[in-house]
Amino acid sequence: MIRNEPFKQILAETREHWDHLGIRQTVRDNFHRVLACRTPALGAEIYRSTQEEKVIFHTCKSRSCPICGQWSMERWQHEMYNRLPDISYVGMIFTMPDVLWTIFQQHRDLLHDLPMLGAEVLQQWAKRRGAQLIVMVVPHTFGRHLNFNSHLHILVSQGGLNKKDGRWMKNLKFHRNALMRMWRFAVITYLREVFKQMSGPLDIHLREELRKQYERWWNIRIDCSMSKSHFLKYACRYVRHPPIAQRRIVEIRDGKVTFWTKDLKLKQRVLTQCTSVEFVTRLFPHVKDKYEHGIRYFGLLAPRKRRDLSTLFLIIGQKATVSSSTHALGRLRKNHIRHGSPNG
């Protein structure tokens, strides 16, 4: 089975490298579960009929497993598709200079606040225009080569709800320069305050480095228009899966892993090779801690704003069908499982 699953094969071959006390417990737990996925170690369900018997091994449900997140992501995608109103959306990517990646990698607890900072920038920008936005943030920590690269992928409504006069404000114009400056100010200010609380006055080298990064240009990408289905499909590819798809792994031989990546300059696929140990080491920082969210909701999508979101559907004359979609998926799954009567 492992031969047909390259991710498992790599983990099995490098077990001595990651299965010890020097590695984060979350990493070890997730990798153990991936290796045990769909094996007798996790138990099984036995389905019998008069003619045959079928054994279905239990899955690991790990977010690092390349297979187990598929069903939950499909259900989330259907639920969110119906929860989001049919309006215009904008896709955004908030990045930061690579110098700051190391800080967030060494202090993983700071990653929790990044989605909130990005959402607050957008909400403050919209508040000046009297609008409340729909904001969904997917934090990423990896790049094409599995390097640590902390950034945010954001879906935001192109319009906003004006609660004062009860109308939907269409076609808000998001200004890239203004949002970049607000995002830059939010991150640098946050880091200054955090390190002051941790160790008092900032070290002179850290203070100088933060000043340099504050004075430079930060890249922000704003897509003019993006459908909700496009963003949800994109988010599903990464939220509950490892940072690299198994289909990208071309070969595992002699302790080396070959996988392909996209070269944006050449606009084609290129092969990258590294040792199995180096490959697994690159995965360590991308394994999320327990209870760490892969998706964050703000604005009208925040749990405390459900009433305002319902008001929005009434204003634009649409109807949310979250529960019906979820129940329908549940019925489909039950029908699939109960196809044929299990007797054991």
C-alpha atoms as a PDB file:
ATOM      1  CA  MET A   1       0.000   0.000   0.000  1.00  0.00           C
ATOM      2  CA  ILE A   2       2.816   2.396   0.882  1.00  0.00           C
ATOM      3  CA  ARG A   3       4.361   1.974  -2.556  1.00  0.00           C
ATOM      4  CA  ASN A   4       1.247   3.498  -4.096  1.00  0.00           C
ATOM      5  CA  GLU A   5       1.217   6.332  -1.572  1.00  0.00           C
ATOM      6  CA  PRO A   6       4.426   8.383  -1.862  1.00  0.00           C
ATOM      7  CA  PHE A   7       3.659  10.536   1.175  1.00  0.00           C
ATOM      8  CA  LYS A   8       3.456   7.462   3.416  1.00  0.00           C
ATOM      9  CA  GLN A   9       6.561   5.994   1.837  1.00  0.00           C
ATOM     10  CA  ILE A  10       8.602   9.102   2.582  1.00  0.00           C
ATOM     11  CA  LEU A  11       7.373   9.254   6.193  1.00  0.00           C
ATOM     12  CA  ALA A  12       8.169   5.571   6.713  1.00  0.00           C
ATOM     13  CA  GLU A  13      11.699   5.918   5.312  1.00  0.00           C
ATOM     14  CA  THR A  14      12.487   8.991   7.436  1.00  0.00           C
ATOM     15  CA  ARG A  15      10.832   7.922  10.674  1.00  0.00           C
ATOM     16  CA  GLU A  16      14.042   8.145  12.699  1.00  0.00           C
ATOM     17  CA  HIS A  17      14.405  11.765  11.627  1.00  0.00           C
ATOM     18  CA  TRP A  18      10.983  13.003  12.802  1.00  0.00           C
ATOM     19  CA  ASP A  19       9.903  10.528  15.504  1.00  0.00           C
ATOM     20  CA  HIS A  20      11.823  11.833  18.520  1.00  0.00           C
ATOM     21  CA  LEU A  21      11.411  14.399  21.311  1.00  0.00           C
ATOM     22  CA  GLY A  22      13.237  17.130  19.417  1.00  0.00           C
ATOM     23  CA  ILE A  23      10.288  17.513  17.015  1.00  0.00           C
ATOM     24  CA  ARG A  24       7.009  19.269  17.838  1.00  0.00           C
ATOM     25  CA  GLN A  25       4.489  16.853  19.315  1.00  0.00           C
ATOM     26  CA  THR A  26       1.857  17.978  16.828  1.00  0.00           C
ATOM     27  CA  VAL A  27       4.115  17.007  13.930  1.00  0.00           C
ATOM     28  CA  ARG A  28       4.807  13.578  15.400  1.00  0.00           C
ATOM     29  CA  ASP A  29       1.142  12.899  16.188  1.00  0.00           C
ATOM     30  CA  ASN A  30      -0.012  13.832  12.691  1.00  0.00           C
ATOM     31  CA  PHE A  31       2.680  11.814  10.945  1.00  0.00           C
ATOM     32  CA  HIS A  32       1.903   8.777  13.128  1.00  0.00           C
ATOM     33  CA  ARG A  33      -1.761   9.051  12.196  1.00  0.00           C
ATOM     34  CA  VAL A  34      -0.967   9.351   8.493  1.00  0.00           C
ATOM     35  CA  LEU A  35       1.117   6.156   8.592  1.00  0.00           C
ATOM     36  CA  ALA A  36      -1.690   4.330  10.403  1.00  0.00           C
ATOM     37  CA  CYS A  37      -4.409   5.624   8.062  1.00  0.00           C
ATOM     38  CA  ARG A  38      -6.477   2.836   6.485  1.00  0.00           C
ATOM     39  CA  THR A  39      -4.482   0.116   8.212  1.00  0.00           C
ATOM     40  CA  PRO A  40      -5.460  -2.456  10.909  1.00  0.00           C
ATOM     41  CA  ALA A  41      -3.828  -0.164  13.493  1.00  0.00           C
ATOM     42  CA  LEU A  42      -6.942   2.064  13.513  1.00  0.00           C
ATOM     43  CA  GLY A  43      -9.516  -0.728  13.294  1.00  0.00           C
ATOM     44  CA  ALA A  44     -11.991  -1.488  10.556  1.00  0.00           C
ATOM     45  CA  GLU A  45     -15.637  -1.987   9.605  1.00  0.00           C
ATOM     46  CA  ILE A  46     -16.638  -5.364   8.170  1.00  0.00           C
ATOM     47  CA  TYR A  47     -19.497  -5.567   5.682  1.00  0.00           C
ATOM     48  CA  ARG A  48     -20.821  -9.038   4.833  1.00  0.00           C
ATOM     49  CA  SER A  49     -23.379 -10.429   2.489  1.00  0.00           C
ATOM     50  CA  THR A  50     -24.218 -13.980   1.529  1.00  0.00           C
ATOM     51  CA  GLN A  51     -21.697 -13.831  -1.290  1.00  0.00           C
ATOM     52  CA  GLU A  52     -18.809 -11.674  -0.151  1.00  0.00           C
ATOM     53  CA  GLU A  53     -17.122  -9.817   2.689  1.00  0.00           C
ATOM     54  CA  LYS A  54     -15.554  -6.365   2.546  1.00  0.00           C
ATOM     55  CA  VAL A  55     -13.233  -4.821   5.139  1.00  0.00           C
ATOM     56  CA  ILE A  56     -12.984  -1.005   5.260  1.00  0.00           C
ATOM     57  CA  PHE A  57     -10.173   0.262   7.461  1.00  0.00           C
ATOM     58  CA  HIS A  58     -10.701   3.424   9.492  1.00  0.00           C
ATOM     59  CA  THR A  59      -9.155   6.690   8.355  1.00  0.00           C
ATOM     60  CA  CYS A  60      -6.885   8.910  10.438  1.00  0.00           C
ATOM     61  CA  LYS A  61      -8.763  12.256  10.028  1.00  0.00           C
ATOM     62  CA  SER A  62      -5.420  14.087  10.140  1.00  0.00           C
ATOM     63  CA  ARG A  63      -5.094  17.462   8.429  1.00  0.00           C
ATOM     64  CA  SER A  64      -1.685  16.297   7.195  1.00  0.00           C
ATOM     65  CA  CYS A  65      -3.170  13.314   5.396  1.00  0.00           C
ATOM     66  CA  PRO A  66      -3.446  13.765   1.615  1.00  0.00           C
ATOM     67  CA  ILE A  67      -6.678  11.728   1.476  1.00  0.00           C
ATOM     68  CA  CYS A  68      -8.681  12.138   4.693  1.00  0.00           C
ATOM     69  CA  GLY A  69      -9.541  15.803   4.251  1.00  0.00           C
ATOM     70  CA  GLN A  70     -11.367  15.226   0.989  1.00  0.00           C
ATOM     71  CA  TRP A  71     -14.863  14.520   2.357  1.00  0.00           C
ATOM     72  CA  SER A  72     -14.812  17.237   5.011  1.00  0.00           C
ATOM     73  CA  MET A  73     -13.558  19.785   2.487  1.00  0.00           C
ATOM     74  CA  GLU A  74     -16.257  18.872  -0.019  1.00  0.00           C
ATOM     75  CA  ARG A  75     -18.888  19.288   2.691  1.00  0.00           C
ATOM     76  CA  TRP A  76     -17.400  22.620   3.778  1.00  0.00           C
ATOM     77  CA  GLN A  77     -17.277  23.794   0.174  1.00  0.00           C
ATOM     78  CA  HIS A  78     -20.966  23.018  -0.404  1.00  0.00           C
ATOM     79  CA  GLU A  79     -21.966  24.590   2.906  1.00  0.00           C
ATOM     80  CA  MET A  80     -20.027  27.801   2.295  1.00  0.00           C
ATOM     81  CA  TYR A  81     -21.222  28.051  -1.303  1.00  0.00           C
ATOM     82  CA  ASN A  82     -24.796  28.214  -0.038  1.00  0.00           C
ATOM     83  CA  ARG A  83     -23.955  30.360   2.958  1.00  0.00           C
ATOM     84  CA  LEU A  84     -22.340  33.054   0.825  1.00  0.00           C
ATOM     85  CA  PRO A  85     -24.755  35.281  -1.106  1.00  0.00           C
ATOM     86  CA  ASP A  86     -24.541  35.467  -4.903  1.00  0.00           C
ATOM     87  CA  ILE A  87     -22.777  38.803  -5.187  1.00  0.00           C
ATOM     88  CA  SER A  88     -19.473  40.052  -6.592  1.00  0.00           C
ATOM     89  CA  TYR A  89     -16.307  39.146  -4.703  1.00  0.00           C
ATOM     90  CA  VAL A  90     -12.668  40.167  -4.803  1.00  0.00           C
ATOM     91  CA  GLY A  91      -9.717  37.863  -4.187  1.00  0.00           C
ATOM     92  CA  MET A  92      -6.711  39.301  -2.368  1.00  0.00           C
ATOM     93  CA  ILE A  93      -3.279  38.112  -1.269  1.00  0.00           C
ATOM     94  CA  PHE A  94      -1.536  39.927   1.581  1.00  0.00           C
ATOM     95  CA  THR A  95       2.189  39.165   1.667  1.00  0.00           C
ATOM     96  CA  MET A  96       5.120  40.446   3.702  1.00  0.00           C
ATOM     97  CA  PRO A  97       8.907  40.736   3.187  1.00  0.00           C
ATOM     98  CA  ASP A  98      10.807  37.454   3.510  1.00  0.00           C
ATOM     99  CA  VAL A  99      12.794  38.895   6.422  1.00  0.00           C
ATOM    100  CA  LEU A 100       9.664  38.647   8.562  1.00  0.00           C
ATOM    101  CA  TRP A 101       8.970  35.014   7.664  1.00  0.00           C
ATOM    102  CA  THR A 102      11.650  33.864  10.074  1.00  0.00           C
ATOM    103  CA  ILE A 103      10.065  35.771  12.956  1.00  0.00           C
ATOM    104  CA  PHE A 104       6.693  34.081  12.457  1.00  0.00           C
ATOM    105  CA  GLN A 105       8.331  30.692  11.964  1.00  0.00           C
ATOM    106  CA  GLN A 106      10.265  30.988  15.236  1.00  0.00           C
ATOM    107  CA  HIS A 107       7.235  32.367  17.121  1.00  0.00           C
ATOM    108  CA  ARG A 108       4.377  30.217  15.837  1.00  0.00           C
ATOM    109  CA  ASP A 109       1.887  31.651  18.329  1.00  0.00           C
ATOM    110  CA  LEU A 110       2.011  34.937  16.389  1.00  0.00           C
ATOM    111  CA  LEU A 111       0.544  33.223  13.312  1.00  0.00           C
ATOM    112  CA  HIS A 112      -2.819  33.068  15.071  1.00  0.00           C
ATOM    113  CA  ASP A 113      -3.221  36.848  14.910  1.00  0.00           C
ATOM    114  CA  LEU A 114      -2.236  37.357  11.255  1.00  0.00           C
ATOM    115  CA  PRO A 115      -5.734  36.636   9.810  1.00  0.00           C
ATOM    116  CA  MET A 116      -7.248  39.047  12.323  1.00  0.00           C
ATOM    117  CA  LEU A 117      -4.780  41.771  11.296  1.00  0.00           C
ATOM    118  CA  GLY A 118      -5.593  41.319   7.617  1.00  0.00           C
ATOM    119  CA  ALA A 119      -9.342  41.325   8.221  1.00  0.00           C
ATOM    120  CA  GLU A 120      -9.100  44.383  10.474  1.00  0.00           C
ATOM    121  CA  VAL A 121      -7.308  46.299   7.714  1.00  0.00           C
ATOM    122  CA  LEU A 122     -10.173  45.620   5.310  1.00  0.00           C
ATOM    123  CA  GLN A 123     -12.866  46.355   7.866  1.00  0.00           C
ATOM    124  CA  GLN A 124     -11.278  49.634   8.903  1.00  0.00           C
ATOM    125  CA  TRP A 125     -10.984  50.637   5.255  1.00  0.00           C
ATOM    126  CA  ALA A 126     -14.662  49.810   4.660  1.00  0.00           C
ATOM    127  CA  LYS A 127     -15.816  51.428   7.899  1.00  0.00           C
ATOM    128  CA  ARG A 128     -14.653  54.817   6.625  1.00  0.00           C
ATOM    129  CA  ARG A 129     -17.110  54.309   3.781  1.00  0.00           C
ATOM    130  CA  GLY A 130     -19.930  53.212   6.047  1.00  0.00           C
ATOM    131  CA  ALA A 131     -19.862  49.596   4.863  1.00  0.00           C
ATOM    132  CA  GLN A 132     -19.631  46.169   6.490  1.00  0.00           C
ATOM    133  CA  LEU A 133     -17.883  43.497   4.429  1.00  0.00           C
ATOM    134  CA  ILE A 134     -17.947  39.744   4.073  1.00  0.00           C
ATOM    135  CA  VAL A 135     -14.406  38.559   4.809  1.00  0.00           C
ATOM    136  CA  MET A 136     -12.955  35.038   4.704  1.00  0.00           C
ATOM    137  CA  VAL A 137      -9.242  34.581   5.412  1.00  0.00           C
ATOM    138  CA  VAL A 138      -7.141  31.484   4.625  1.00  0.00           C
ATOM    139  CA  PRO A 139      -3.655  31.788   6.186  1.00  0.00           C
ATOM    140  CA  HIS A 140      -0.824  30.079   4.277  1.00  0.00           C
ATOM    141  CA  THR A 141       2.677  29.262   5.477  1.00  0.00           C
ATOM    142  CA  PHE A 142       4.192  27.613   2.414  1.00  0.00           C
ATOM    143  CA  GLY A 143       5.433  28.467  -1.041  1.00  0.00           C
ATOM    144  CA  ARG A 144       5.846  26.369  -4.183  1.00  0.00           C
ATOM    145  CA  HIS A 145       9.142  24.879  -2.954  1.00  0.00           C
ATOM    146  CA  LEU A 146       7.717  24.092   0.519  1.00  0.00           C
ATOM    147  CA  ASN A 147       9.644  26.991   2.017  1.00  0.00           C
ATOM    148  CA  PHE A 148       8.108  28.902   4.912  1.00  0.00           C
ATOM    149  CA  ASN A 149       6.235  31.884   3.502  1.00  0.00           C
ATOM    150  CA  SER A 150       3.576  33.406   5.744  1.00  0.00           C
ATOM    151  CA  HIS A 151       0.837  35.206   3.809  1.00  0.00           C
ATOM    152  CA  LEU A 152      -2.946  35.507   3.627  1.00  0.00           C
ATOM    153  CA  HIS A 153      -5.429  34.561   0.932  1.00  0.00           C
ATOM    154  CA  ILE A 154      -8.618  36.554   1.373  1.00  0.00           C
ATOM    155  CA  LEU A 155     -12.097  36.502  -0.130  1.00  0.00           C
ATOM    156  CA  VAL A 156     -13.905  39.816   0.400  1.00  0.00           C
ATOM    157  CA  SER A 157     -17.230  41.061  -0.886  1.00  0.00           C
ATOM    158  CA  GLN A 158     -17.011  43.766  -3.532  1.00  0.00           C
ATOM    159  CA  GLY A 159     -19.880  45.542  -1.814  1.00  0.00           C
ATOM    160  CA  GLY A 160     -20.794  46.365   1.769  1.00  0.00           C
ATOM    161  CA  LEU A 161     -23.838  46.546   3.995  1.00  0.00           C
ATOM    162  CA  ASN A 162     -24.807  50.019   5.196  1.00  0.00           C
ATOM    163  CA  LYS A 163     -26.808  49.389   8.365  1.00  0.00           C
ATOM    164  CA  LYS A 164     -27.865  53.015   8.767  1.00  0.00           C
ATOM    165  CA  ASP A 165     -30.044  53.127   5.673  1.00  0.00           C
ATOM    166  CA  GLY A 166     -30.372  49.369   5.166  1.00  0.00           C
ATOM    167  CA  ARG A 167     -28.919  49.159   1.670  1.00  0.00           C
ATOM    168  CA  TRP A 168     -26.219  47.180  -0.088  1.00  0.00           C
ATOM    169  CA  MET A 169     -23.374  49.335  -1.406  1.00  0.00           C
ATOM    170  CA  LYS A 170     -22.150  47.851  -4.690  1.00  0.00           C
ATOM    171  CA  ASN A 171     -18.803  48.003  -6.468  1.00  0.00           C
ATOM    172  CA  LEU A 172     -16.532  49.300  -3.736  1.00  0.00           C
ATOM    173  CA  LYS A 173     -13.139  50.244  -5.166  1.00  0.00           C
ATOM    174  CA  PHE A 174     -10.288  48.714  -3.172  1.00  0.00           C
ATOM    175  CA  HIS A 175      -7.197  50.883  -3.444  1.00  0.00           C
ATOM    176  CA  ARG A 176      -4.058  48.766  -3.489  1.00  0.00           C
ATOM    177  CA  ASN A 177      -1.667  51.437  -2.214  1.00  0.00           C
ATOM    178  CA  ALA A 178      -3.908  52.407   0.691  1.00  0.00           C
ATOM    179  CA  LEU A 179      -4.473  48.793   1.748  1.00  0.00           C
ATOM    180  CA  MET A 180      -0.765  48.021   1.434  1.00  0.00           C
ATOM    181  CA  ARG A 181       0.160  50.883   3.748  1.00  0.00           C
ATOM    182  CA  MET A 182      -2.504  49.850   6.280  1.00  0.00           C
ATOM    183  CA  TRP A 183      -1.402  46.192   6.170  1.00  0.00           C
ATOM    184  CA  ARG A 184       2.254  47.154   6.537  1.00  0.00           C
ATOM    185  CA  PHE A 185       1.483  49.429   9.476  1.00  0.00           C
ATOM    186  CA  ALA A 186      -0.657  46.755  11.162  1.00  0.00           C
ATOM    187  CA  VAL A 187       2.011  44.004  10.972  1.00  0.00           C
ATOM    188  CA  ILE A 188       4.988  46.160  11.986  1.00  0.00           C
ATOM    189  CA  THR A 189       3.082  47.787  14.851  1.00  0.00           C
ATOM    190  CA  TYR A 190       1.885  44.381  16.026  1.00  0.00           C
ATOM    191  CA  LEU A 191       5.432  42.955  16.064  1.00  0.00           C
ATOM    192  CA  ARG A 192       6.786  45.979  17.921  1.00  0.00           C
ATOM    193  CA  GLU A 193       4.138  45.708  20.617  1.00  0.00           C
ATOM    194  CA  VAL A 194       4.490  41.931  20.966  1.00  0.00           C
ATOM    195  CA  PHE A 195       8.251  42.004  21.436  1.00  0.00           C
ATOM    196  CA  LYS A 196       8.006  44.918  23.858  1.00  0.00           C
ATOM    197  CA  GLN A 197       5.660  42.833  26.015  1.00  0.00           C
ATOM    198  CA  MET A 198       7.915  39.791  25.715  1.00  0.00           C
ATOM    199  CA  SER A 199      11.297  41.350  26.482  1.00  0.00           C
ATOM    200  CA  GLY A 200      10.879  45.037  27.195  1.00  0.00           C
ATOM    201  CA  PRO A 201      12.523  47.663  24.926  1.00  0.00           C
ATOM    202  CA  LEU A 202      13.282  46.380  21.435  1.00  0.00           C
ATOM    203  CA  ASP A 203      16.765  45.181  20.612  1.00  0.00           C
ATOM    204  CA  ILE A 204      18.523  47.782  18.476  1.00  0.00           C
ATOM    205  CA  HIS A 205      19.002  45.319  15.602  1.00  0.00           C
ATOM    206  CA  LEU A 206      15.352  44.234  15.650  1.00  0.00           C
ATOM    207  CA  ARG A 207      14.174  47.835  15.864  1.00  0.00           C
ATOM    208  CA  GLU A 208      16.329  48.794  12.889  1.00  0.00           C
ATOM    209  CA  GLU A 209      15.145  45.777  10.879  1.00  0.00           C
ATOM    210  CA  LEU A 210      11.487  46.563  11.506  1.00  0.00           C
ATOM    211  CA  ARG A 211      12.105  50.159  10.483  1.00  0.00           C
ATOM    212  CA  LYS A 212      13.664  49.040   7.197  1.00  0.00           C
ATOM    213  CA  GLN A 213      10.785  46.711   6.426  1.00  0.00           C
ATOM    214  CA  TYR A 214       8.277  49.455   7.220  1.00  0.00           C
ATOM    215  CA  GLU A 215       9.915  51.788   4.694  1.00  0.00           C
ATOM    216  CA  ARG A 216       9.908  49.330   1.791  1.00  0.00           C
ATOM    217  CA  TRP A 217       7.115  48.322  -0.577  1.00  0.00           C
ATOM    218  CA  TRP A 218       4.991  45.307   0.349  1.00  0.00           C
ATOM    219  CA  ASN A 219       3.369  43.298  -2.405  1.00  0.00           C
ATOM    220  CA  ILE A 220      -0.412  43.016  -2.332  1.00  0.00           C
ATOM    221  CA  ARG A 221      -2.419  41.340  -5.058  1.00  0.00           C
ATOM    222  CA  ILE A 222      -6.027  42.338  -5.713  1.00  0.00           C
ATOM    223  CA  ASP A 223      -8.062  40.477  -8.329  1.00  0.00           C
ATOM    224  CA  CYS A 224     -10.713  42.685  -9.878  1.00  0.00           C
ATOM    225  CA  SER A 225     -13.352  39.994  -9.632  1.00  0.00           C
ATOM    226  CA  MET A 226     -13.504  36.423  -8.379  1.00  0.00           C
ATOM    227  CA  SER A 227     -16.398  34.018  -8.099  1.00  0.00           C
ATOM    228  CA  LYS A 228     -17.055  32.398  -4.753  1.00  0.00           C
ATOM    229  CA  SER A 229     -16.835  28.941  -6.336  1.00  0.00           C
ATOM    230  CA  HIS A 230     -13.328  29.669  -7.660  1.00  0.00           C
ATOM    231  CA  PHE A 231     -12.055  30.799  -4.260  1.00  0.00           C
ATOM    232  CA  LEU A 232     -13.674  27.892  -2.400  1.00  0.00           C
ATOM    233  CA  LYS A 233     -12.147  25.349  -4.763  1.00  0.00           C
ATOM    234  CA  TYR A 234      -8.772  27.004  -4.299  1.00  0.00           C
ATOM    235  CA  ALA A 235      -9.099  27.015  -0.504  1.00  0.00           C
ATOM    236  CA  CYS A 236     -10.099  23.343  -0.469  1.00  0.00           C
ATOM    237  CA  ARG A 237      -6.799  22.407  -2.076  1.00  0.00           C
ATOM    238  CA  TYR A 238      -4.779  23.484   0.953  1.00  0.00           C
ATOM    239  CA  VAL A 239      -6.832  23.771   4.137  1.00  0.00           C
ATOM    240  CA  ARG A 240      -6.950  20.090   5.153  1.00  0.00           C
ATOM    241  CA  HIS A 241      -4.227  18.662   2.949  1.00  0.00           C
ATOM    242  CA  PRO A 242      -0.425  18.650   3.162  1.00  0.00           C
ATOM    243  CA  PRO A 243       1.281  21.568   1.393  1.00  0.00           C
ATOM    244  CA  ILE A 244       2.159  19.367  -1.587  1.00  0.00           C
ATOM    245  CA  ALA A 245      -0.171  17.121  -3.560  1.00  0.00           C
ATOM    246  CA  GLN A 246       0.944  13.509  -4.000  1.00  0.00           C
ATOM    247  CA  ARG A 247       0.613  13.825  -7.780  1.00  0.00           C
ATOM    248  CA  ARG A 248       3.487  16.338  -7.711  1.00  0.00           C
ATOM    249  CA  ILE A 249       5.884  13.705  -6.339  1.00  0.00           C
ATOM    250  CA  VAL A 250       7.497  12.187  -9.416  1.00  0.00           C
ATOM    251  CA  GLU A 251      10.030   9.770  -7.968  1.00  0.00           C
ATOM    252  CA  ILE A 252      11.405   8.426  -4.676  1.00  0.00           C
ATOM    253  CA  ARG A 253      14.736   6.648  -5.125  1.00  0.00           C
ATOM    254  CA  ASP A 254      18.003   6.221  -3.220  1.00  0.00           C
ATOM    255  CA  GLY A 255      16.898   8.485  -0.384  1.00  0.00           C
ATOM    256  CA  LYS A 256      15.951  11.342  -2.711  1.00  0.00           C
ATOM    257  CA  VAL A 257      12.586  12.855  -3.624  1.00  0.00           C
ATOM    258  CA  THR A 258      11.863  14.463  -6.983  1.00  0.00           C
ATOM    259  CA  PHE A 259       8.783  16.664  -7.330  1.00  0.00           C
ATOM    260  CA  TRP A 260       7.634  19.285  -9.800  1.00  0.00           C
ATOM    261  CA  THR A 261       6.881  22.925  -9.175  1.00  0.00           C
ATOM    262  CA  LYS A 262       5.622  25.771 -11.334  1.00  0.00           C
ATOM    263  CA  ASP A 263       8.190  28.290 -12.484  1.00  0.00           C
ATOM    264  CA  LEU A 264       6.298  31.574 -12.839  1.00  0.00           C
ATOM    265  CA  LYS A 265       9.017  33.184 -14.956  1.00  0.00           C
ATOM    266  CA  LEU A 266       9.367  30.301 -17.402  1.00  0.00           C
ATOM    267  CA  LYS A 267       5.634  29.545 -17.154  1.00  0.00           C
ATOM    268  CA  GLN A 268       6.234  25.824 -17.069  1.00  0.00           C
ATOM    269  CA  ARG A 269       6.815  22.937 -14.700  1.00  0.00           C
ATOM    270  CA  VAL A 270      10.322  22.312 -13.423  1.00  0.00           C
ATOM    271  CA  LEU A 271      11.674  19.387 -11.395  1.00  0.00           C
ATOM    272  CA  THR A 272      13.094  19.897  -7.915  1.00  0.00           C
ATOM    273  CA  GLN A 273      15.134  17.252  -6.095  1.00  0.00           C
ATOM    274  CA  CYS A 274      16.087  16.966  -2.432  1.00  0.00           C
ATOM    275  CA  THR A 275      16.823  14.235   0.076  1.00  0.00           C
ATOM    276  CA  SER A 276      13.923  12.510   1.819  1.00  0.00           C
ATOM    277  CA  VAL A 277      15.103  13.945   5.138  1.00  0.00           C
ATOM    278  CA  GLU A 278      15.179  17.472   3.727  1.00  0.00           C
ATOM    279  CA  PHE A 279      11.725  16.962   2.191  1.00  0.00           C
ATOM    280  CA  VAL A 280      10.214  15.958   5.533  1.00  0.00           C
ATOM    281  CA  THR A 281      12.057  18.759   7.325  1.00  0.00           C
ATOM    282  CA  ARG A 282      10.418  21.266   4.990  1.00  0.00           C
ATOM    283  CA  LEU A 283       7.011  19.928   6.042  1.00  0.00           C
ATOM    284  CA  PHE A 284       7.570  20.439   9.794  1.00  0.00           C
ATOM    285  CA  PRO A 285       6.644  24.152  10.049  1.00  0.00           C
ATOM    286  CA  HIS A 286       3.496  23.706   7.911  1.00  0.00           C
ATOM    287  CA  VAL A 287       1.842  21.179  10.237  1.00  0.00           C
ATOM    288  CA  LYS A 288      -0.793  23.154  12.109  1.00  0.00           C
ATOM    289  CA  ASP A 289      -0.974  22.996  15.881  1.00  0.00           C
ATOM    290  CA  LYS A 290      -3.938  21.391  17.562  1.00  0.00           C
ATOM    291  CA  TYR A 291      -7.043  23.631  17.450  1.00  0.00           C
ATOM    292  CA  GLU A 292      -5.323  25.987  14.976  1.00  0.00           C
ATOM    293  CA  HIS A 293      -7.882  27.146  12.435  1.00  0.00           C
ATOM    294  CA  GLY A 294      -7.257  26.771   8.723  1.00  0.00           C
ATOM    295  CA  ILE A 295      -9.992  29.289   7.824  1.00  0.00           C
ATOM    296  CA  ARG A 296     -11.118  32.409   9.702  1.00  0.00           C
ATOM    297  CA  TYR A 297     -14.356  34.353   9.241  1.00  0.00           C
ATOM    298  CA  PHE A 298     -14.793  38.079   9.841  1.00  0.00           C
ATOM    299  CA  GLY A 299     -17.204  40.896   9.113  1.00  0.00           C
ATOM    300  CA  LEU A 300     -20.672  39.655   8.176  1.00  0.00           C
ATOM    301  CA  LEU A 301     -19.390  36.051   8.281  1.00  0.00           C
ATOM    302  CA  ALA A 302     -18.360  36.260  11.934  1.00  0.00           C
ATOM    303  CA  PRO A 303     -20.536  34.096  14.232  1.00  0.00           C
ATOM    304  CA  ARG A 304     -21.801  37.150  16.134  1.00  0.00           C
ATOM    305  CA  LYS A 305     -22.921  38.741  12.843  1.00  0.00           C
ATOM    306  CA  ARG A 306     -25.359  36.040  11.754  1.00  0.00           C
ATOM    307  CA  ARG A 307     -28.310  38.377  12.162  1.00  0.00           C
ATOM    308  CA  ASP A 308     -26.674  40.996   9.928  1.00  0.00           C
ATOM    309  CA  LEU A 309     -25.921  38.334   7.309  1.00  0.00           C
ATOM    310  CA  SER A 310     -29.578  37.278   7.358  1.00  0.00           C
ATOM    311  CA  THR A 311     -30.529  40.924   6.888  1.00  0.00           C
ATOM    312  CA  LEU A 312     -28.264  41.081   3.853  1.00  0.00           C
ATOM    313  CA  PHE A 313     -30.037  38.145   2.210  1.00  0.00           C
ATOM    314  CA  LEU A 314     -33.361  39.904   2.727  1.00  0.00           C
ATOM    315  CA  ILE A 315     -32.053  43.170   1.262  1.00  0.00           C
ATOM    316  CA  ILE A 316     -30.721  41.562  -1.917  1.00  0.00           C
ATOM    317  CA  GLY A 317     -33.685  39.202  -2.244  1.00  0.00           C
ATOM    318  CA  GLN A 318     -31.827  35.909  -1.858  1.00  0.00           C
ATOM    319  CA  LYS A 319     -32.141  32.923   0.445  1.00  0.00           C
ATOM    320  CA  ALA A 320     -29.437  31.051   2.325  1.00  0.00           C
ATOM    321  CA  THR A 321     -29.652  27.259   2.135  1.00  0.00           C
ATOM    322  CA  VAL A 322     -26.806  26.119   4.368  1.00  0.00           C
ATOM    323  CA  SER A 323     -28.661  23.494   6.351  1.00  0.00           C
ATOM    324  CA  SER A 324     -30.344  21.916   3.348  1.00  0.00           C
ATOM    325  CA  SER A 325     -26.991  21.540   1.580  1.00  0.00           C
ATOM    326  CA  THR A 326     -25.359  19.965   4.626  1.00  0.00           C
ATOM    327  CA  HIS A 327     -28.240  17.573   5.188  1.00  0.00           C
ATOM    328  CA  ALA A 328     -28.281  16.614   1.523  1.00  0.00           C
ATOM    329  CA  LEU A 329     -24.593  15.730   1.648  1.00  0.00           C
ATOM    330  CA  GLY A 330     -25.215  13.745   4.816  1.00  0.00           C
ATOM    331  CA  ARG A 331     -27.991  11.782   3.138  1.00  0.00           C
ATOM    332  CA  LEU A 332     -25.770  11.066   0.138  1.00  0.00           C
ATOM    333  CA  ARG A 333     -23.041   9.733   2.387  1.00  0.00           C
ATOM    334  CA  LYS A 334     -25.433   7.543   4.414  1.00  0.00           C
ATOM    335  CA  ASN A 335     -26.937   6.110   1.255  1.00  0.00           C
ATOM    336  CA  HIS A 336     -23.460   5.341  -0.028  1.00  0.00           C
ATOM    337  CA  ILE A 337     -22.422   3.606   3.219  1.00  0.00           C
ATOM    338  CA  ARG A 338     -25.653   1.641   3.564  1.00  0.00           C
ATOM    339  CA  HIS A 339     -25.583   0.367  -0.001  1.00  0.00           C
ATOM    340  CA  GLY A 340     -25.945  -3.346   0.775  1.00  0.00           C
ATOM    341  CA  SER A 341     -26.829  -4.452   4.307  1.00  0.00           C
ATOM    342  CA  PRO A 342     -23.864  -4.985   6.623  1.00  0.00           C
ATOM    343  CA  ASN A 343     -24.328  -8.030   8.820  1.00  0.00           C
ATOM    344  CA  GLY A 344     -21.139  -7.906  10.793  1.00  0.00           C
END
